[in-house]
Amino acid sequence: MNDPVLQTFQLGFPWQTQDPFLFCVYHLDHYPKGNDELGPDPSLLKGRNIGNDFTIKDGWRMYHGQTIPGFPYHPHRGFETITIVNKGYCDHSDSLGAAGRFGEGDVQWMTAGRGVQHSEMFPLLNTDKDNPLELFQIWLNLPKADKFVEPHFKMLWHEDIPVIDEENAQIKVIAGNYRGHQANDPAPNSWAAKTENEVAIWNIHIEANSQYTLPKSNTLVTRTLYFYEGDEIGIGERNINPNYGIALDPSQDTTIKTGNQKAHLLLLQGKPIDEPVAKYGPFVMNTQEEIQKAMEEYQLTQFGGWPWPYPDNVHDKDKGRFALYPDGHRIEK
């Protein structure tokens, strides 16, 4: 058998991705107890570049938040965001009037399409204990034919996401088909909605001092494995440290051996869209001219404006998980 590893690379911020994926970030923040405003104790904000705090200090960051960690309103066009919250909570609000609070295993799938504004804030709901946050945000491209579809917002609640328990591993199937276990439907215009594109997003946890075999794909796709927590894994003749990405040959089964700690990995896989990509911040189109038009349109329309009272909108502290859709339909969890 040939070496299944095509390349390894150190993980930065954001993580390096392959077509059809554009971007992936991993947030791990050990937030302290919250205050009455759902933020950290004010005394703990000293020494931070508030509004642009991306440096880990005391184990956490404020990002673009002023009083609550997170990302106040900002636009997107031409792609999708998949937000996986393993620990903690995210409060979503958007220009369509949709909103939600999700976390502790939930996933949000949002198609920006022709344009949407949204905010993603991380409320510190616990006032009597710490508020750890662990999440991934993945940007999945849209092909040219779908870049101007209507925006779409969907929740994948953790109770409904397939989790496969094998002898030495647990696999959370967020997108795609894993050994016959089909994920929930993604957003309707997604590249992942067509099975022939074989898009897969799997969160894989392998027990210590054991091994697990990742099954090969059915077609030639790009396949990247991100080793984000553990001590060491072995693939073929290689020993790979945590905080490394691994580009894999999708035509081969890949056996992964773990060390003395449990290994936590994220897999991104899919058929490349194979179109030109022009990016500027939160806009992803096919040409620079389209980027310029997107910026001009956003300046004129604000993609529908902002119907919420604050740019860093959060929901009531006592509210549980919920989703409010643009049509007014509401789901409480």
C-alpha atoms as a PDB file:
ATOM      1  CA  MET A   1       0.000   0.000   0.000  1.00  0.00           C
ATOM      2  CA  ASN A   2       1.211   3.511  -0.808  1.00  0.00           C
ATOM      3  CA  ASP A   3       1.653   6.159   1.863  1.00  0.00           C
ATOM      4  CA  PRO A   4      -1.840   7.667   2.391  1.00  0.00           C
ATOM      5  CA  VAL A   5      -0.320  10.961   3.579  1.00  0.00           C
ATOM      6  CA  LEU A   6       0.150  13.440   0.756  1.00  0.00           C
ATOM      7  CA  GLN A   7       1.271  16.368   2.917  1.00  0.00           C
ATOM      8  CA  THR A   8       1.427  17.556   6.516  1.00  0.00           C
ATOM      9  CA  PHE A   9       1.359  21.190   7.602  1.00  0.00           C
ATOM     10  CA  GLN A  10       1.296  23.106  10.859  1.00  0.00           C
ATOM     11  CA  LEU A  11      -2.037  24.619  11.802  1.00  0.00           C
ATOM     12  CA  GLY A  12      -2.234  28.383  11.983  1.00  0.00           C
ATOM     13  CA  PHE A  13      -5.167  30.748  12.364  1.00  0.00           C
ATOM     14  CA  PRO A  14      -7.133  30.083  10.202  1.00  0.00           C
ATOM     15  CA  TRP A  15      -6.419  26.501   9.191  1.00  0.00           C
ATOM     16  CA  GLN A  16      -5.302  25.738   5.655  1.00  0.00           C
ATOM     17  CA  THR A  17      -8.108  24.185   3.565  1.00  0.00           C
ATOM     18  CA  GLN A  18      -8.667  22.620   0.147  1.00  0.00           C
ATOM     19  CA  ASP A  19     -11.395  23.255  -2.461  1.00  0.00           C
ATOM     20  CA  PRO A  20     -14.418  23.162  -1.935  1.00  0.00           C
ATOM     21  CA  PHE A  21     -13.602  24.565   1.528  1.00  0.00           C
ATOM     22  CA  LEU A  22     -12.378  28.134   1.871  1.00  0.00           C
ATOM     23  CA  PHE A  23     -11.573  28.594   5.537  1.00  0.00           C
ATOM     24  CA  CYS A  24     -11.638  26.788   8.872  1.00  0.00           C
ATOM     25  CA  VAL A  25     -10.980  28.148  12.341  1.00  0.00           C
ATOM     26  CA  TYR A  26     -10.858  26.424  15.699  1.00  0.00           C
ATOM     27  CA  HIS A  27     -11.757  28.445  18.775  1.00  0.00           C
ATOM     28  CA  LEU A  28     -10.849  27.078  22.193  1.00  0.00           C
ATOM     29  CA  ASP A  29     -11.333  29.626  24.953  1.00  0.00           C
ATOM     30  CA  HIS A  30     -11.364  28.907  28.676  1.00  0.00           C
ATOM     31  CA  TYR A  31     -13.683  31.759  29.612  1.00  0.00           C
ATOM     32  CA  PRO A  32     -14.088  32.590  33.310  1.00  0.00           C
ATOM     33  CA  LYS A  33     -17.340  33.079  35.205  1.00  0.00           C
ATOM     34  CA  GLY A  34     -19.744  35.498  33.549  1.00  0.00           C
ATOM     35  CA  ASN A  35     -21.125  38.772  34.879  1.00  0.00           C
ATOM     36  CA  ASP A  36     -24.637  40.228  34.671  1.00  0.00           C
ATOM     37  CA  GLU A  37     -23.968  41.417  31.102  1.00  0.00           C
ATOM     38  CA  LEU A  38     -22.983  37.904  29.904  1.00  0.00           C
ATOM     39  CA  GLY A  39     -19.355  38.959  29.578  1.00  0.00           C
ATOM     40  CA  PRO A  40     -16.244  38.306  31.675  1.00  0.00           C
ATOM     41  CA  ASP A  41     -15.533  40.194  34.853  1.00  0.00           C
ATOM     42  CA  PRO A  42     -14.557  43.768  33.801  1.00  0.00           C
ATOM     43  CA  SER A  43     -11.318  43.601  35.767  1.00  0.00           C
ATOM     44  CA  LEU A  44     -10.224  40.741  33.526  1.00  0.00           C
ATOM     45  CA  LEU A  45     -10.455  42.939  30.424  1.00  0.00           C
ATOM     46  CA  LYS A  46      -7.387  44.957  31.370  1.00  0.00           C
ATOM     47  CA  GLY A  47      -4.429  44.575  29.065  1.00  0.00           C
ATOM     48  CA  ARG A  48      -6.541  43.585  26.052  1.00  0.00           C
ATOM     49  CA  ASN A  49      -6.924  45.228  22.664  1.00  0.00           C
ATOM     50  CA  ILE A  50     -10.698  45.473  23.052  1.00  0.00           C
ATOM     51  CA  GLY A  51     -12.465  45.313  19.696  1.00  0.00           C
ATOM     52  CA  ASN A  52      -9.636  43.327  18.119  1.00  0.00           C
ATOM     53  CA  ASP A  53      -8.452  40.883  20.776  1.00  0.00           C
ATOM     54  CA  PHE A  54      -7.121  37.734  19.085  1.00  0.00           C
ATOM     55  CA  THR A  55      -4.220  37.126  21.489  1.00  0.00           C
ATOM     56  CA  ILE A  56      -4.774  34.362  24.021  1.00  0.00           C
ATOM     57  CA  LYS A  57      -4.426  35.961  27.456  1.00  0.00           C
ATOM     58  CA  ASP A  58      -5.428  34.008  30.570  1.00  0.00           C
ATOM     59  CA  GLY A  59      -6.649  31.279  28.202  1.00  0.00           C
ATOM     60  CA  TRP A  60      -9.227  33.271  26.234  1.00  0.00           C
ATOM     61  CA  ARG A  61      -9.881  36.045  23.714  1.00  0.00           C
ATOM     62  CA  MET A  62     -12.575  38.717  23.230  1.00  0.00           C
ATOM     63  CA  TYR A  63     -12.279  38.723  19.400  1.00  0.00           C
ATOM     64  CA  HIS A  64     -14.227  41.776  18.166  1.00  0.00           C
ATOM     65  CA  GLY A  65     -16.467  41.937  21.236  1.00  0.00           C
ATOM     66  CA  GLN A  66     -16.473  45.004  23.479  1.00  0.00           C
ATOM     67  CA  THR A  67     -18.218  43.548  26.547  1.00  0.00           C
ATOM     68  CA  ILE A  68     -19.209  40.056  25.351  1.00  0.00           C
ATOM     69  CA  PRO A  69     -16.780  37.844  23.408  1.00  0.00           C
ATOM     70  CA  GLY A  70     -17.586  37.227  19.777  1.00  0.00           C
ATOM     71  CA  PHE A  71     -18.172  38.801  16.397  1.00  0.00           C
ATOM     72  CA  PRO A  72     -20.686  41.690  16.159  1.00  0.00           C
ATOM     73  CA  TYR A  73     -22.621  42.159  12.931  1.00  0.00           C
ATOM     74  CA  HIS A  74     -20.706  41.667   9.703  1.00  0.00           C
ATOM     75  CA  PRO A  75     -21.688  40.734   6.125  1.00  0.00           C
ATOM     76  CA  HIS A  76     -21.193  37.592   4.029  1.00  0.00           C
ATOM     77  CA  ARG A  77     -21.805  36.846   0.369  1.00  0.00           C
ATOM     78  CA  GLY A  78     -21.112  33.922  -1.953  1.00  0.00           C
ATOM     79  CA  PHE A  79     -20.478  31.000   0.432  1.00  0.00           C
ATOM     80  CA  GLU A  80     -21.771  29.080   3.444  1.00  0.00           C
ATOM     81  CA  THR A  81     -20.753  28.926   7.089  1.00  0.00           C
ATOM     82  CA  ILE A  82     -20.996  25.757   9.177  1.00  0.00           C
ATOM     83  CA  THR A  83     -20.521  26.474  12.885  1.00  0.00           C
ATOM     84  CA  ILE A  84     -19.963  23.481  15.181  1.00  0.00           C
ATOM     85  CA  VAL A  85     -20.174  24.332  18.882  1.00  0.00           C
ATOM     86  CA  ASN A  86     -18.848  21.439  20.984  1.00  0.00           C
ATOM     87  CA  LYS A  87     -18.710  23.380  24.268  1.00  0.00           C
ATOM     88  CA  GLY A  88     -20.345  26.611  25.340  1.00  0.00           C
ATOM     89  CA  TYR A  89     -22.939  28.623  23.413  1.00  0.00           C
ATOM     90  CA  CYS A  90     -23.251  30.919  20.425  1.00  0.00           C
ATOM     91  CA  ASP A  91     -25.957  33.582  20.027  1.00  0.00           C
ATOM     92  CA  HIS A  92     -26.886  34.176  16.389  1.00  0.00           C
ATOM     93  CA  SER A  93     -28.781  37.196  15.006  1.00  0.00           C
ATOM     94  CA  ASP A  94     -29.054  38.194  11.350  1.00  0.00           C
ATOM     95  CA  SER A  95     -30.426  40.726   8.890  1.00  0.00           C
ATOM     96  CA  LEU A  96     -33.238  38.363   7.844  1.00  0.00           C
ATOM     97  CA  GLY A  97     -34.686  38.576  11.346  1.00  0.00           C
ATOM     98  CA  ALA A  98     -33.516  35.069  12.193  1.00  0.00           C
ATOM     99  CA  ALA A  99     -31.919  34.330  15.545  1.00  0.00           C
ATOM    100  CA  GLY A 100     -30.903  31.478  17.776  1.00  0.00           C
ATOM    101  CA  ARG A 101     -28.913  30.192  20.708  1.00  0.00           C
ATOM    102  CA  PHE A 102     -27.115  26.925  20.114  1.00  0.00           C
ATOM    103  CA  GLY A 103     -24.291  24.974  21.699  1.00  0.00           C
ATOM    104  CA  GLU A 104     -23.115  21.881  23.554  1.00  0.00           C
ATOM    105  CA  GLY A 105     -22.927  19.887  20.320  1.00  0.00           C
ATOM    106  CA  ASP A 106     -25.299  21.806  18.028  1.00  0.00           C
ATOM    107  CA  VAL A 107     -24.396  22.914  14.506  1.00  0.00           C
ATOM    108  CA  GLN A 108     -25.611  25.933  12.537  1.00  0.00           C
ATOM    109  CA  TRP A 109     -25.587  25.849   8.728  1.00  0.00           C
ATOM    110  CA  MET A 110     -26.000  29.247   7.059  1.00  0.00           C
ATOM    111  CA  THR A 111     -26.014  29.962   3.331  1.00  0.00           C
ATOM    112  CA  ALA A 112     -25.050  33.587   2.767  1.00  0.00           C
ATOM    113  CA  GLY A 113     -25.875  33.431  -0.951  1.00  0.00           C
ATOM    114  CA  ARG A 114     -26.596  36.891  -2.349  1.00  0.00           C
ATOM    115  CA  GLY A 115     -25.896  38.515   0.986  1.00  0.00           C
ATOM    116  CA  VAL A 116     -26.665  38.545   4.698  1.00  0.00           C
ATOM    117  CA  GLN A 117     -25.407  40.234   7.847  1.00  0.00           C
ATOM    118  CA  HIS A 118     -25.104  38.268  11.054  1.00  0.00           C
ATOM    119  CA  SER A 119     -23.544  38.400  14.497  1.00  0.00           C
ATOM    120  CA  GLU A 120     -22.029  35.524  16.451  1.00  0.00           C
ATOM    121  CA  MET A 121     -21.591  36.235  20.130  1.00  0.00           C
ATOM    122  CA  PHE A 122     -20.466  33.903  22.901  1.00  0.00           C
ATOM    123  CA  PRO A 123     -22.531  34.681  26.029  1.00  0.00           C
ATOM    124  CA  LEU A 124     -20.979  33.614  29.320  1.00  0.00           C
ATOM    125  CA  LEU A 125     -24.127  32.178  30.872  1.00  0.00           C
ATOM    126  CA  ASN A 126     -22.558  30.667  33.992  1.00  0.00           C
ATOM    127  CA  THR A 127     -21.994  33.083  36.854  1.00  0.00           C
ATOM    128  CA  ASP A 128     -21.008  30.374  39.345  1.00  0.00           C
ATOM    129  CA  LYS A 129     -18.468  28.463  37.233  1.00  0.00           C
ATOM    130  CA  ASP A 130     -16.247  28.814  34.170  1.00  0.00           C
ATOM    131  CA  ASN A 131     -17.626  29.043  30.620  1.00  0.00           C
ATOM    132  CA  PRO A 132     -15.394  26.972  28.308  1.00  0.00           C
ATOM    133  CA  LEU A 133     -16.007  27.437  24.570  1.00  0.00           C
ATOM    134  CA  GLU A 134     -14.924  25.079  21.807  1.00  0.00           C
ATOM    135  CA  LEU A 135     -16.116  25.593  18.252  1.00  0.00           C
ATOM    136  CA  PHE A 136     -15.180  25.214  14.618  1.00  0.00           C
ATOM    137  CA  GLN A 137     -16.318  27.535  11.873  1.00  0.00           C
ATOM    138  CA  ILE A 138     -15.996  26.205   8.358  1.00  0.00           C
ATOM    139  CA  TRP A 139     -16.535  28.155   5.140  1.00  0.00           C
ATOM    140  CA  LEU A 140     -17.830  26.016   2.273  1.00  0.00           C
ATOM    141  CA  ASN A 141     -17.778  27.636  -1.152  1.00  0.00           C
ATOM    142  CA  LEU A 142     -20.781  27.994  -3.444  1.00  0.00           C
ATOM    143  CA  PRO A 143     -20.375  27.477  -7.196  1.00  0.00           C
ATOM    144  CA  LYS A 144     -20.960  30.429  -9.499  1.00  0.00           C
ATOM    145  CA  ALA A 145     -24.468  29.183 -10.319  1.00  0.00           C
ATOM    146  CA  ASP A 146     -25.492  29.421  -6.639  1.00  0.00           C
ATOM    147  CA  LYS A 147     -23.677  32.488  -5.361  1.00  0.00           C
ATOM    148  CA  PHE A 148     -26.851  34.614  -5.553  1.00  0.00           C
ATOM    149  CA  VAL A 149     -29.332  32.161  -4.037  1.00  0.00           C
ATOM    150  CA  GLU A 150     -31.575  33.373  -1.244  1.00  0.00           C
ATOM    151  CA  PRO A 151     -29.864  33.294   2.170  1.00  0.00           C
ATOM    152  CA  HIS A 152     -30.796  30.304   4.303  1.00  0.00           C
ATOM    153  CA  PHE A 153     -30.451  29.515   8.017  1.00  0.00           C
ATOM    154  CA  LYS A 154     -30.701  25.998   9.431  1.00  0.00           C
ATOM    155  CA  MET A 155     -30.054  24.364  12.785  1.00  0.00           C
ATOM    156  CA  LEU A 156     -28.739  20.839  13.193  1.00  0.00           C
ATOM    157  CA  TRP A 157     -29.534  20.048  16.829  1.00  0.00           C
ATOM    158  CA  HIS A 158     -27.119  17.717  18.547  1.00  0.00           C
ATOM    159  CA  GLU A 159     -29.905  15.278  19.434  1.00  0.00           C
ATOM    160  CA  ASP A 160     -30.469  14.701  15.709  1.00  0.00           C
ATOM    161  CA  ILE A 161     -26.856  14.451  14.503  1.00  0.00           C
ATOM    162  CA  PRO A 162     -25.658  10.863  13.918  1.00  0.00           C
ATOM    163  CA  VAL A 163     -22.895   9.812  16.315  1.00  0.00           C
ATOM    164  CA  ILE A 164     -21.342   6.452  15.469  1.00  0.00           C
ATOM    165  CA  ASP A 165     -19.672   4.466  18.249  1.00  0.00           C
ATOM    166  CA  GLU A 166     -17.061   2.008  17.029  1.00  0.00           C
ATOM    167  CA  GLU A 167     -14.696  -0.189  19.023  1.00  0.00           C
ATOM    168  CA  ASN A 168     -12.018   2.469  19.483  1.00  0.00           C
ATOM    169  CA  ALA A 169     -13.600   5.617  18.087  1.00  0.00           C
ATOM    170  CA  GLN A 170     -16.613   7.886  18.043  1.00  0.00           C
ATOM    171  CA  ILE A 171     -17.536   9.708  14.829  1.00  0.00           C
ATOM    172  CA  LYS A 172     -19.940  12.651  14.695  1.00  0.00           C
ATOM    173  CA  VAL A 173     -21.383  12.861  11.164  1.00  0.00           C
ATOM    174  CA  ILE A 174     -22.158  16.519  10.487  1.00  0.00           C
ATOM    175  CA  ALA A 175     -22.186  16.192   6.699  1.00  0.00           C
ATOM    176  CA  GLY A 176     -21.914  13.256   4.328  1.00  0.00           C
ATOM    177  CA  ASN A 177     -22.296   9.518   4.675  1.00  0.00           C
ATOM    178  CA  TYR A 178     -20.189   7.480   7.073  1.00  0.00           C
ATOM    179  CA  ARG A 179     -20.362   3.697   6.543  1.00  0.00           C
ATOM    180  CA  GLY A 180     -24.031   3.975   5.569  1.00  0.00           C
ATOM    181  CA  HIS A 181     -24.935   6.500   8.275  1.00  0.00           C
ATOM    182  CA  GLN A 182     -26.277   9.587   6.512  1.00  0.00           C
ATOM    183  CA  ALA A 183     -25.956  13.053   8.044  1.00  0.00           C
ATOM    184  CA  ASN A 184     -28.911  15.416   8.265  1.00  0.00           C
ATOM    185  CA  ASP A 185     -29.689  17.331   5.107  1.00  0.00           C
ATOM    186  CA  PRO A 186     -27.552  20.457   4.712  1.00  0.00           C
ATOM    187  CA  ALA A 187     -28.913  23.758   3.410  1.00  0.00           C
ATOM    188  CA  PRO A 188     -30.802  23.138   0.129  1.00  0.00           C
ATOM    189  CA  ASN A 189     -28.455  25.014  -2.242  1.00  0.00           C
ATOM    190  CA  SER A 190     -25.287  23.700  -0.636  1.00  0.00           C
ATOM    191  CA  TRP A 191     -22.519  21.969  -2.596  1.00  0.00           C
ATOM    192  CA  ALA A 192     -22.968  19.324   0.105  1.00  0.00           C
ATOM    193  CA  ALA A 193     -26.611  18.750  -0.891  1.00  0.00           C
ATOM    194  CA  LYS A 194     -25.546  16.749  -3.965  1.00  0.00           C
ATOM    195  CA  THR A 195     -24.369  13.293  -2.923  1.00  0.00           C
ATOM    196  CA  GLU A 196     -22.060  12.985  -5.925  1.00  0.00           C
ATOM    197  CA  ASN A 197     -19.935  15.805  -4.454  1.00  0.00           C
ATOM    198  CA  GLU A 198     -19.187  13.534  -1.465  1.00  0.00           C
ATOM    199  CA  VAL A 199     -18.824  16.404   0.987  1.00  0.00           C
ATOM    200  CA  ALA A 200     -18.038  15.112   4.466  1.00  0.00           C
ATOM    201  CA  ILE A 201     -17.538  16.896   7.781  1.00  0.00           C
ATOM    202  CA  TRP A 202     -16.745  14.408  10.542  1.00  0.00           C
ATOM    203  CA  ASN A 203     -15.531  15.050  14.087  1.00  0.00           C
ATOM    204  CA  ILE A 204     -13.519  11.951  15.039  1.00  0.00           C
ATOM    205  CA  HIS A 205     -12.427  10.971  18.552  1.00  0.00           C
ATOM    206  CA  ILE A 206     -10.086   7.968  18.888  1.00  0.00           C
ATOM    207  CA  GLU A 207      -9.308   6.277  22.199  1.00  0.00           C
ATOM    208  CA  ALA A 208      -5.749   6.335  23.583  1.00  0.00           C
ATOM    209  CA  ASN A 209      -3.366   3.474  22.773  1.00  0.00           C
ATOM    210  CA  SER A 210      -5.575   2.116  20.020  1.00  0.00           C
ATOM    211  CA  GLN A 211      -6.110   2.359  16.288  1.00  0.00           C
ATOM    212  CA  TYR A 212      -8.902   3.348  13.939  1.00  0.00           C
ATOM    213  CA  THR A 213      -9.294   2.999  10.177  1.00  0.00           C
ATOM    214  CA  LEU A 214     -10.799   5.881   8.219  1.00  0.00           C
ATOM    215  CA  PRO A 215     -12.639   4.416   5.222  1.00  0.00           C
ATOM    216  CA  LYS A 216     -11.655   5.520   1.732  1.00  0.00           C
ATOM    217  CA  SER A 217     -13.948   7.728  -0.320  1.00  0.00           C
ATOM    218  CA  ASN A 218     -15.936   6.575  -3.324  1.00  0.00           C
ATOM    219  CA  THR A 219     -14.532   9.177  -5.716  1.00  0.00           C
ATOM    220  CA  LEU A 220     -11.494  11.420  -6.054  1.00  0.00           C
ATOM    221  CA  VAL A 221     -12.091  14.222  -3.608  1.00  0.00           C
ATOM    222  CA  THR A 222      -9.896  16.475  -1.509  1.00  0.00           C
ATOM    223  CA  ARG A 223      -9.533  15.086   2.005  1.00  0.00           C
ATOM    224  CA  THR A 224      -7.913  16.907   4.928  1.00  0.00           C
ATOM    225  CA  LEU A 225      -7.615  15.655   8.480  1.00  0.00           C
ATOM    226  CA  TYR A 226      -6.962  18.170  11.268  1.00  0.00           C
ATOM    227  CA  PHE A 227      -5.324  16.827  14.447  1.00  0.00           C
ATOM    228  CA  TYR A 228      -6.267  19.447  17.012  1.00  0.00           C
ATOM    229  CA  GLU A 229      -5.953  17.670  20.385  1.00  0.00           C
ATOM    230  CA  GLY A 230      -3.941  14.722  21.721  1.00  0.00           C
ATOM    231  CA  ASP A 231      -0.252  13.820  22.090  1.00  0.00           C
ATOM    232  CA  GLU A 232       0.754  11.994  18.894  1.00  0.00           C
ATOM    233  CA  ILE A 233      -0.736   9.860  16.160  1.00  0.00           C
ATOM    234  CA  GLY A 234       0.854   7.484  13.684  1.00  0.00           C
ATOM    235  CA  ILE A 235      -0.198   7.127  10.044  1.00  0.00           C
ATOM    236  CA  GLY A 236       1.877   4.662   8.056  1.00  0.00           C
ATOM    237  CA  GLU A 237       5.520   5.328   8.906  1.00  0.00           C
ATOM    238  CA  ARG A 238       4.848   8.892  10.079  1.00  0.00           C
ATOM    239  CA  ASN A 239       4.406  10.203  13.606  1.00  0.00           C
ATOM    240  CA  ILE A 240       2.357  13.363  13.611  1.00  0.00           C
ATOM    241  CA  ASN A 241       2.102  15.878  16.444  1.00  0.00           C
ATOM    242  CA  PRO A 242      -1.063  17.745  17.405  1.00  0.00           C
ATOM    243  CA  ASN A 243      -1.814  21.075  15.712  1.00  0.00           C
ATOM    244  CA  TYR A 244      -0.986  19.605  12.320  1.00  0.00           C
ATOM    245  CA  GLY A 245      -3.123  19.112   9.242  1.00  0.00           C
ATOM    246  CA  ILE A 246      -2.801  16.047   7.037  1.00  0.00           C
ATOM    247  CA  ALA A 247      -3.780  15.980   3.356  1.00  0.00           C
ATOM    248  CA  LEU A 248      -4.771  12.381   2.619  1.00  0.00           C
ATOM    249  CA  ASP A 249      -5.064  10.191  -0.452  1.00  0.00           C
ATOM    250  CA  PRO A 250      -8.854   9.584  -0.564  1.00  0.00           C
ATOM    251  CA  SER A 251      -8.516   6.371  -2.555  1.00  0.00           C
ATOM    252  CA  GLN A 252      -7.005   4.494   0.415  1.00  0.00           C
ATOM    253  CA  ASP A 253      -8.245   3.438   3.819  1.00  0.00           C
ATOM    254  CA  THR A 254      -6.169   5.279   6.421  1.00  0.00           C
ATOM    255  CA  THR A 255      -5.209   3.582   9.694  1.00  0.00           C
ATOM    256  CA  ILE A 256      -4.517   5.968  12.557  1.00  0.00           C
ATOM    257  CA  LYS A 257      -2.683   4.816  15.693  1.00  0.00           C
ATOM    258  CA  THR A 258      -2.932   6.866  18.874  1.00  0.00           C
ATOM    259  CA  GLY A 259      -0.499   7.485  21.720  1.00  0.00           C
ATOM    260  CA  ASN A 260      -1.157   7.807  25.421  1.00  0.00           C
ATOM    261  CA  GLN A 261      -3.908  10.368  24.992  1.00  0.00           C
ATOM    262  CA  LYS A 262      -7.221  10.354  23.173  1.00  0.00           C
ATOM    263  CA  ALA A 263      -6.895  11.907  19.689  1.00  0.00           C
ATOM    264  CA  HIS A 264      -9.411  14.487  18.472  1.00  0.00           C
ATOM    265  CA  LEU A 265      -9.628  15.154  14.741  1.00  0.00           C
ATOM    266  CA  LEU A 266     -11.785  16.992  12.221  1.00  0.00           C
ATOM    267  CA  LEU A 267     -12.151  15.718   8.669  1.00  0.00           C
ATOM    268  CA  LEU A 268     -13.120  17.940   5.725  1.00  0.00           C
ATOM    269  CA  GLN A 269     -13.700  16.251   2.385  1.00  0.00           C
ATOM    270  CA  GLY A 270     -15.381  17.076  -0.905  1.00  0.00           C
ATOM    271  CA  LYS A 271     -15.306  17.228  -4.663  1.00  0.00           C
ATOM    272  CA  PRO A 272     -13.562  20.451  -5.739  1.00  0.00           C
ATOM    273  CA  ILE A 273     -15.783  23.122  -7.275  1.00  0.00           C
ATOM    274  CA  ASP A 274     -12.799  23.968  -9.472  1.00  0.00           C
ATOM    275  CA  GLU A 275     -13.774  27.557 -10.285  1.00  0.00           C
ATOM    276  CA  PRO A 276     -11.820  30.787  -9.865  1.00  0.00           C
ATOM    277  CA  VAL A 277     -12.012  32.187  -6.333  1.00  0.00           C
ATOM    278  CA  ALA A 278     -11.842  35.923  -5.586  1.00  0.00           C
ATOM    279  CA  LYS A 279     -11.931  36.796  -1.878  1.00  0.00           C
ATOM    280  CA  TYR A 280     -12.042  40.013   0.056  1.00  0.00           C
ATOM    281  CA  GLY A 281     -12.813  39.617   3.746  1.00  0.00           C
ATOM    282  CA  PRO A 282     -16.362  38.263   4.037  1.00  0.00           C
ATOM    283  CA  PHE A 283     -17.066  38.273   0.272  1.00  0.00           C
ATOM    284  CA  VAL A 284     -16.218  35.285  -1.934  1.00  0.00           C
ATOM    285  CA  MET A 285     -16.949  35.522  -5.656  1.00  0.00           C
ATOM    286  CA  ASN A 286     -15.322  34.415  -8.919  1.00  0.00           C
ATOM    287  CA  THR A 287     -13.793  37.712 -10.089  1.00  0.00           C
ATOM    288  CA  GLN A 288     -12.460  40.931  -8.588  1.00  0.00           C
ATOM    289  CA  GLU A 289     -15.171  42.839 -10.469  1.00  0.00           C
ATOM    290  CA  GLU A 290     -17.809  40.802  -8.626  1.00  0.00           C
ATOM    291  CA  ILE A 291     -16.082  41.559  -5.331  1.00  0.00           C
ATOM    292  CA  GLN A 292     -16.218  45.283  -6.099  1.00  0.00           C
ATOM    293  CA  LYS A 293     -19.926  45.049  -6.926  1.00  0.00           C
ATOM    294  CA  ALA A 294     -20.560  43.140  -3.687  1.00  0.00           C
ATOM    295  CA  MET A 295     -18.860  45.866  -1.670  1.00  0.00           C
ATOM    296  CA  GLU A 296     -20.813  48.591  -3.451  1.00  0.00           C
ATOM    297  CA  GLU A 297     -24.116  46.796  -2.959  1.00  0.00           C
ATOM    298  CA  TYR A 298     -23.402  46.237   0.718  1.00  0.00           C
ATOM    299  CA  GLN A 299     -22.654  49.937   1.189  1.00  0.00           C
ATOM    300  CA  LEU A 300     -25.975  50.805  -0.470  1.00  0.00           C
ATOM    301  CA  THR A 301     -28.282  48.163   0.995  1.00  0.00           C
ATOM    302  CA  GLN A 302     -26.546  46.786   4.091  1.00  0.00           C
ATOM    303  CA  PHE A 303     -27.967  43.455   2.857  1.00  0.00           C
ATOM    304  CA  GLY A 304     -31.322  44.292   4.388  1.00  0.00           C
ATOM    305  CA  GLY A 305     -30.169  46.345   7.345  1.00  0.00           C
ATOM    306  CA  TRP A 306     -29.965  45.332  10.989  1.00  0.00           C
ATOM    307  CA  PRO A 307     -33.270  44.702  12.835  1.00  0.00           C
ATOM    308  CA  TRP A 308     -31.671  44.090  16.255  1.00  0.00           C
ATOM    309  CA  PRO A 309     -31.026  46.671  19.002  1.00  0.00           C
ATOM    310  CA  TYR A 310     -27.248  46.129  19.189  1.00  0.00           C
ATOM    311  CA  PRO A 311     -24.507  45.125  16.749  1.00  0.00           C
ATOM    312  CA  ASP A 312     -23.370  42.522  19.326  1.00  0.00           C
ATOM    313  CA  ASN A 313     -26.904  41.311  19.996  1.00  0.00           C
ATOM    314  CA  VAL A 314     -27.358  38.546  22.579  1.00  0.00           C
ATOM    315  CA  HIS A 315     -30.494  36.901  23.897  1.00  0.00           C
ATOM    316  CA  ASP A 316     -31.909  36.814  27.423  1.00  0.00           C
ATOM    317  CA  LYS A 317     -29.707  34.981  29.871  1.00  0.00           C
ATOM    318  CA  ASP A 318     -32.437  32.562  30.938  1.00  0.00           C
ATOM    319  CA  LYS A 319     -33.403  31.605  27.406  1.00  0.00           C
ATOM    320  CA  GLY A 320     -32.406  28.098  26.447  1.00  0.00           C
ATOM    321  CA  ARG A 321     -31.472  26.798  23.036  1.00  0.00           C
ATOM    322  CA  PHE A 322     -33.812  28.011  20.305  1.00  0.00           C
ATOM    323  CA  ALA A 323     -34.068  28.921  16.644  1.00  0.00           C
ATOM    324  CA  LEU A 324     -36.181  31.737  15.230  1.00  0.00           C
ATOM    325  CA  TYR A 325     -36.434  31.497  11.445  1.00  0.00           C
ATOM    326  CA  PRO A 326     -37.016  34.395   9.012  1.00  0.00           C
ATOM    327  CA  ASP A 327     -40.615  33.270   8.429  1.00  0.00           C
ATOM    328  CA  GLY A 328     -41.351  33.591  12.135  1.00  0.00           C
ATOM    329  CA  HIS A 329     -41.303  29.848  12.815  1.00  0.00           C
ATOM    330  CA  ARG A 330     -39.754  29.208  16.203  1.00  0.00           C
ATOM    331  CA  ILE A 331     -38.233  26.084  17.728  1.00  0.00           C
ATOM    332  CA  GLU A 332     -37.459  25.868  21.426  1.00  0.00           C
ATOM    333  CA  LYS A 333     -35.131  23.169  22.769  1.00  0.00           C
END
